Amino acid sequence: MSDPASSSTETPHGTGLLPRDFSADELAAAPVLTSIDSLLLDLTEDEDDAFAAALAS
């Protein structure tokens, strides 16, 4: 019987999959949300009703 852990196609496991911290330069270059209004979506009345129904379910 073969050892599945020795497979070359195995996906890595452990802390190597965790994201690393950003450097100071990366943080300085990151985009900044200037207004919460940027997140608003313009929905039609039907889309708004469907969205509200999905949230309620």
PDB file of N, CA and C in Angstrom:
ATOM      1  N   MET A   1       0.852  -1.172   0.000  1.00  0.00           N
ATOM      2  CA  MET A   1       0.000   0.000   0.000  1.00  0.00           C
ATOM      3  C   MET A   1       0.900   1.238   0.000  1.00  0.00           C
ATOM      4  N   SER A   2       0.564   2.215  -0.812  1.00  0.00           N
ATOM      5  CA  SER A   2       1.390   3.417  -0.896  1.00  0.00           C
ATOM      6  C   SER A   2       1.031   4.401   0.210  1.00  0.00           C
ATOM      7  N   ASP A   3       1.954   5.276   0.480  1.00  0.00           N
ATOM      8  CA  ASP A   3       1.759   6.301   1.499  1.00  0.00           C
ATOM      9  C   ASP A   3       1.202   7.547   0.821  1.00  0.00           C
ATOM     10  N   PRO A   4      -0.066   7.935   1.080  1.00  0.00           N
ATOM     11  CA  PRO A   4      -0.652   9.096   0.398  1.00  0.00           C
ATOM     12  C   PRO A   4       0.060  10.405   0.713  1.00  0.00           C
ATOM     13  N   ALA A   5       0.757  10.476   1.836  1.00  0.00           N
ATOM     14  CA  ALA A   5       1.447  11.713   2.194  1.00  0.00           C
ATOM     15  C   ALA A   5       2.643  11.975   1.290  1.00  0.00           C
ATOM     16  N   SER A   6       3.137  10.957   0.615  1.00  0.00           N
ATOM     17  CA  SER A   6       4.303  11.159  -0.231  1.00  0.00           C
ATOM     18  C   SER A   6       3.935  11.547  -1.659  1.00  0.00           C
ATOM     19  N   SER A   7       2.671  11.721  -1.929  1.00  0.00           N
ATOM     20  CA  SER A   7       2.213  12.085  -3.269  1.00  0.00           C
ATOM     21  C   SER A   7       2.738  13.463  -3.653  1.00  0.00           C
ATOM     22  N   SER A   8       3.247  13.584  -4.883  1.00  0.00           N
ATOM     23  CA  SER A   8       3.774  14.873  -5.336  1.00  0.00           C
ATOM     24  C   SER A   8       2.658  15.848  -5.705  1.00  0.00           C
ATOM     25  N   THR A   9       1.423  15.360  -5.808  1.00  0.00           N
ATOM     26  CA  THR A   9       0.296  16.233  -6.155  1.00  0.00           C
ATOM     27  C   THR A   9      -0.481  16.677  -4.924  1.00  0.00           C
ATOM     28  N   GLU A  10       0.026  16.352  -3.748  1.00  0.00           N
ATOM     29  CA  GLU A  10      -0.675  16.689  -2.515  1.00  0.00           C
ATOM     30  C   GLU A  10      -0.682  18.200  -2.288  1.00  0.00           C
ATOM     31  N   THR A  11      -1.794  18.697  -1.830  1.00  0.00           N
ATOM     32  CA  THR A  11      -1.916  20.110  -1.476  1.00  0.00           C
ATOM     33  C   THR A  11      -1.189  20.345  -0.157  1.00  0.00           C
ATOM     34  N   PRO A  12      -0.422  21.432  -0.015  1.00  0.00           N
ATOM     35  CA  PRO A  12       0.293  21.685   1.234  1.00  0.00           C
ATOM     36  C   PRO A  12      -0.666  21.904   2.402  1.00  0.00           C
ATOM     37  N   HIS A  13      -0.211  21.554   3.576  1.00  0.00           N
ATOM     38  CA  HIS A  13      -1.008  21.704   4.792  1.00  0.00           C
ATOM     39  C   HIS A  13      -0.231  22.528   5.807  1.00  0.00           C
ATOM     40  N   GLY A  14      -0.919  23.011   6.811  1.00  0.00           N
ATOM     41  CA  GLY A  14      -0.259  23.677   7.918  1.00  0.00           C
ATOM     42  C   GLY A  14      -0.217  25.181   7.779  1.00  0.00           C
ATOM     43  N   THR A  15       0.669  25.783   8.538  1.00  0.00           N
ATOM     44  CA  THR A  15       0.735  27.241   8.603  1.00  0.00           C
ATOM     45  C   THR A  15       1.237  27.879   7.316  1.00  0.00           C
ATOM     46  N   GLY A  16       1.803  27.100   6.418  1.00  0.00           N
ATOM     47  CA  GLY A  16       2.253  27.631   5.137  1.00  0.00           C
ATOM     48  C   GLY A  16       1.120  28.182   4.300  1.00  0.00           C
ATOM     49  N   LEU A  17      -0.113  27.779   4.603  1.00  0.00           N
ATOM     50  CA  LEU A  17      -1.266  28.267   3.851  1.00  0.00           C
ATOM     51  C   LEU A  17      -1.803  29.590   4.393  1.00  0.00           C
ATOM     52  N   LEU A  18      -1.349  29.993   5.566  1.00  0.00           N
ATOM     53  CA  LEU A  18      -1.835  31.239   6.153  1.00  0.00           C
ATOM     54  C   LEU A  18      -1.232  32.433   5.418  1.00  0.00           C
ATOM     55  N   PRO A  19      -2.008  33.512   5.281  1.00  0.00           N
ATOM     56  CA  PRO A  19      -1.452  34.699   4.621  1.00  0.00           C
ATOM     57  C   PRO A  19      -0.368  35.327   5.492  1.00  0.00           C
ATOM     58  N   ARG A  20       0.606  35.911   4.855  1.00  0.00           N
ATOM     59  CA  ARG A  20       1.657  36.598   5.606  1.00  0.00           C
ATOM     60  C   ARG A  20       1.217  38.027   5.899  1.00  0.00           C
ATOM     61  N   ASP A  21       1.888  38.669   6.834  1.00  0.00           N
ATOM     62  CA  ASP A  21       1.606  40.067   7.138  1.00  0.00           C
ATOM     63  C   ASP A  21       2.116  40.938   5.995  1.00  0.00           C
ATOM     64  N   PHE A  22       1.422  42.051   5.754  1.00  0.00           N
ATOM     65  CA  PHE A  22       1.878  43.005   4.755  1.00  0.00           C
ATOM     66  C   PHE A  22       3.083  43.771   5.288  1.00  0.00           C
ATOM     67  N   SER A  23       3.969  44.142   4.380  1.00  0.00           N
ATOM     68  CA  SER A  23       5.090  44.994   4.764  1.00  0.00           C
ATOM     69  C   SER A  23       4.572  46.428   4.894  1.00  0.00           C
ATOM     70  N   ALA A  24       5.383  47.295   5.469  1.00  0.00           N
ATOM     71  CA  ALA A  24       4.994  48.702   5.610  1.00  0.00           C
ATOM     72  C   ALA A  24       4.751  49.336   4.243  1.00  0.00           C
ATOM     73  N   ASP A  25       5.565  48.982   3.258  1.00  0.00           N
ATOM     74  CA  ASP A  25       5.392  49.523   1.902  1.00  0.00           C
ATOM     75  C   ASP A  25       4.093  49.035   1.272  1.00  0.00           C
ATOM     76  N   GLU A  26       3.761  47.751   1.481  1.00  0.00           N
ATOM     77  CA  GLU A  26       2.517  47.207   0.936  1.00  0.00           C
ATOM     78  C   GLU A  26       1.301  47.862   1.583  1.00  0.00           C
ATOM     79  N   LEU A  27       1.368  48.091   2.885  1.00  0.00           N
ATOM     80  CA  LEU A  27       0.259  48.766   3.566  1.00  0.00           C
ATOM     81  C   LEU A  27       0.095  50.200   3.074  1.00  0.00           C
ATOM     82  N   ALA A  28       1.208  50.886   2.872  1.00  0.00           N
ATOM     83  CA  ALA A  28       1.143  52.270   2.396  1.00  0.00           C
ATOM     84  C   ALA A  28       0.572  52.350   0.984  1.00  0.00           C
ATOM     85  N   ALA A  29       0.796  51.320   0.170  1.00  0.00           N
ATOM     86  CA  ALA A  29       0.322  51.319  -1.215  1.00  0.00           C
ATOM     87  C   ALA A  29      -1.093  50.761  -1.360  1.00  0.00           C
ATOM     88  N   ALA A  30      -1.662  50.243  -0.283  1.00  0.00           N
ATOM     89  CA  ALA A  30      -2.992  49.628  -0.355  1.00  0.00           C
ATOM     90  C   ALA A  30      -4.065  50.685  -0.609  1.00  0.00           C
ATOM     91  N   PRO A  31      -5.099  50.318  -1.363  1.00  0.00           N
ATOM     92  CA  PRO A  31      -6.190  51.273  -1.600  1.00  0.00           C
ATOM     93  C   PRO A  31      -6.957  51.549  -0.308  1.00  0.00           C
ATOM     94  N   VAL A  32      -7.495  52.743  -0.219  1.00  0.00           N
ATOM     95  CA  VAL A  32      -8.242  53.162   0.967  1.00  0.00           C
ATOM     96  C   VAL A  32      -9.664  53.499   0.550  1.00  0.00           C
ATOM     97  N   LEU A  33     -10.623  53.006   1.305  1.00  0.00           N
ATOM     98  CA  LEU A  33     -12.026  53.322   1.057  1.00  0.00           C
ATOM     99  C   LEU A  33     -12.278  54.742   1.561  1.00  0.00           C
ATOM    100  N   THR A  34     -12.554  55.649   0.643  1.00  0.00           N
ATOM    101  CA  THR A  34     -12.727  57.050   1.021  1.00  0.00           C
ATOM    102  C   THR A  34     -14.110  57.347   1.561  1.00  0.00           C
ATOM    103  N   SER A  35     -15.083  56.523   1.198  1.00  0.00           N
ATOM    104  CA  SER A  35     -16.449  56.761   1.650  1.00  0.00           C
ATOM    105  C   SER A  35     -17.209  55.449   1.697  1.00  0.00           C
ATOM    106  N   ILE A  36     -18.038  55.285   2.704  1.00  0.00           N
ATOM    107  CA  ILE A  36     -18.885  54.102   2.801  1.00  0.00           C
ATOM    108  C   ILE A  36     -19.867  54.059   1.635  1.00  0.00           C
ATOM    109  N   ASP A  37     -20.154  55.202   1.062  1.00  0.00           N
ATOM    110  CA  ASP A  37     -21.066  55.263  -0.082  1.00  0.00           C
ATOM    111  C   ASP A  37     -20.521  54.491  -1.284  1.00  0.00           C
ATOM    112  N   SER A  38     -19.218  54.272  -1.318  1.00  0.00           N
ATOM    113  CA  SER A  38     -18.617  53.497  -2.406  1.00  0.00           C
ATOM    114  C   SER A  38     -19.100  52.053  -2.408  1.00  0.00           C
ATOM    115  N   LEU A  39     -19.607  51.601  -1.274  1.00  0.00           N
ATOM    116  CA  LEU A  39     -20.069  50.223  -1.158  1.00  0.00           C
ATOM    117  C   LEU A  39     -21.535  50.052  -1.522  1.00  0.00           C
ATOM    118  N   LEU A  40     -22.242  51.146  -1.702  1.00  0.00           N
ATOM    119  CA  LEU A  40     -23.667  51.066  -2.002  1.00  0.00           C
ATOM    120  C   LEU A  40     -23.898  50.527  -3.405  1.00  0.00           C
ATOM    121  N   LEU A  41     -24.931  49.712  -3.547  1.00  0.00           N
ATOM    122  CA  LEU A  41     -25.299  49.147  -4.842  1.00  0.00           C
ATOM    123  C   LEU A  41     -26.615  49.752  -5.294  1.00  0.00           C
ATOM    124  N   ASP A  42     -26.692  50.103  -6.547  1.00  0.00           N
ATOM    125  CA  ASP A  42     -27.949  50.576  -7.117  1.00  0.00           C
ATOM    126  C   ASP A  42     -28.719  49.366  -7.622  1.00  0.00           C
ATOM    127  N   LEU A  43     -29.816  49.039  -6.941  1.00  0.00           N
ATOM    128  CA  LEU A  43     -30.636  47.896  -7.315  1.00  0.00           C
ATOM    129  C   LEU A  43     -31.988  48.372  -7.818  1.00  0.00           C
ATOM    130  N   THR A  44     -32.528  47.606  -8.751  1.00  0.00           N
ATOM    131  CA  THR A  44     -33.902  47.881  -9.163  1.00  0.00           C
ATOM    132  C   THR A  44     -34.814  47.456  -8.020  1.00  0.00           C
ATOM    133  N   GLU A  45     -36.066  47.839  -8.085  1.00  0.00           N
ATOM    134  CA  GLU A  45     -37.003  47.465  -7.024  1.00  0.00           C
ATOM    135  C   GLU A  45     -37.131  45.947  -6.918  1.00  0.00           C
ATOM    136  N   ASP A  46     -37.163  45.257  -8.063  1.00  0.00           N
ATOM    137  CA  ASP A  46     -37.249  43.791  -8.053  1.00  0.00           C
ATOM    138  C   ASP A  46     -35.998  43.167  -7.432  1.00  0.00           C
ATOM    139  N   GLU A  47     -34.831  43.709  -7.780  1.00  0.00           N
ATOM    140  CA  GLU A  47     -33.588  43.196  -7.211  1.00  0.00           C
ATOM    141  C   GLU A  47     -33.540  43.440  -5.709  1.00  0.00           C
ATOM    142  N   ASP A  48     -34.000  44.610  -5.290  1.00  0.00           N
ATOM    143  CA  ASP A  48     -34.027  44.940  -3.870  1.00  0.00           C
ATOM    144  C   ASP A  48     -34.955  43.996  -3.115  1.00  0.00           C
ATOM    145  N   ASP A  49     -36.126  43.717  -3.688  1.00  0.00           N
ATOM    146  CA  ASP A  49     -37.068  42.787  -3.057  1.00  0.00           C
ATOM    147  C   ASP A  49     -36.464  41.389  -2.958  1.00  0.00           C
ATOM    148  N   ALA A  50     -35.815  40.942  -4.016  1.00  0.00           N
ATOM    149  CA  ALA A  50     -35.197  39.617  -4.013  1.00  0.00           C
ATOM    150  C   ALA A  50     -34.063  39.545  -2.993  1.00  0.00           C
ATOM    151  N   PHE A  51     -33.293  40.612  -2.886  1.00  0.00           N
ATOM    152  CA  PHE A  51     -32.203  40.663  -1.917  1.00  0.00           C
ATOM    153  C   PHE A  51     -32.750  40.617  -0.499  1.00  0.00           C
ATOM    154  N   ALA A  52     -33.786  41.402  -0.225  1.00  0.00           N
ATOM    155  CA  ALA A  52     -34.399  41.410   1.106  1.00  0.00           C
ATOM    156  C   ALA A  52     -34.987  40.041   1.438  1.00  0.00           C
ATOM    157  N   ALA A  53     -35.601  39.389   0.463  1.00  0.00           N
ATOM    158  CA  ALA A  53     -36.168  38.057   0.687  1.00  0.00           C
ATOM    159  C   ALA A  53     -35.063  37.043   0.989  1.00  0.00           C
ATOM    160  N   ALA A  54     -33.940  37.167   0.301  1.00  0.00           N
ATOM    161  CA  ALA A  54     -32.829  36.249   0.544  1.00  0.00           C
ATOM    162  C   ALA A  54     -32.261  36.445   1.943  1.00  0.00           C
ATOM    163  N   LEU A  55     -32.175  37.687   2.391  1.00  0.00           N
ATOM    164  CA  LEU A  55     -31.675  37.952   3.739  1.00  0.00           C
ATOM    165  C   LEU A  55     -32.633  37.438   4.804  1.00  0.00           C
ATOM    166  N   ALA A  56     -33.927  37.513   4.524  1.00  0.00           N
ATOM    167  CA  ALA A  56     -34.938  37.094   5.493  1.00  0.00           C
ATOM    168  C   ALA A  56     -35.039  35.574   5.611  1.00  0.00           C
ATOM    169  N   SER A  57     -34.580  34.847   4.596  1.00  0.00           N
ATOM    170  CA  SER A  57     -34.738  33.381   4.632  1.00  0.00           C
ATOM    171  C   SER A  57     -33.646  32.697   5.416  1.00  0.00           C
TER     172      SER A  57
END
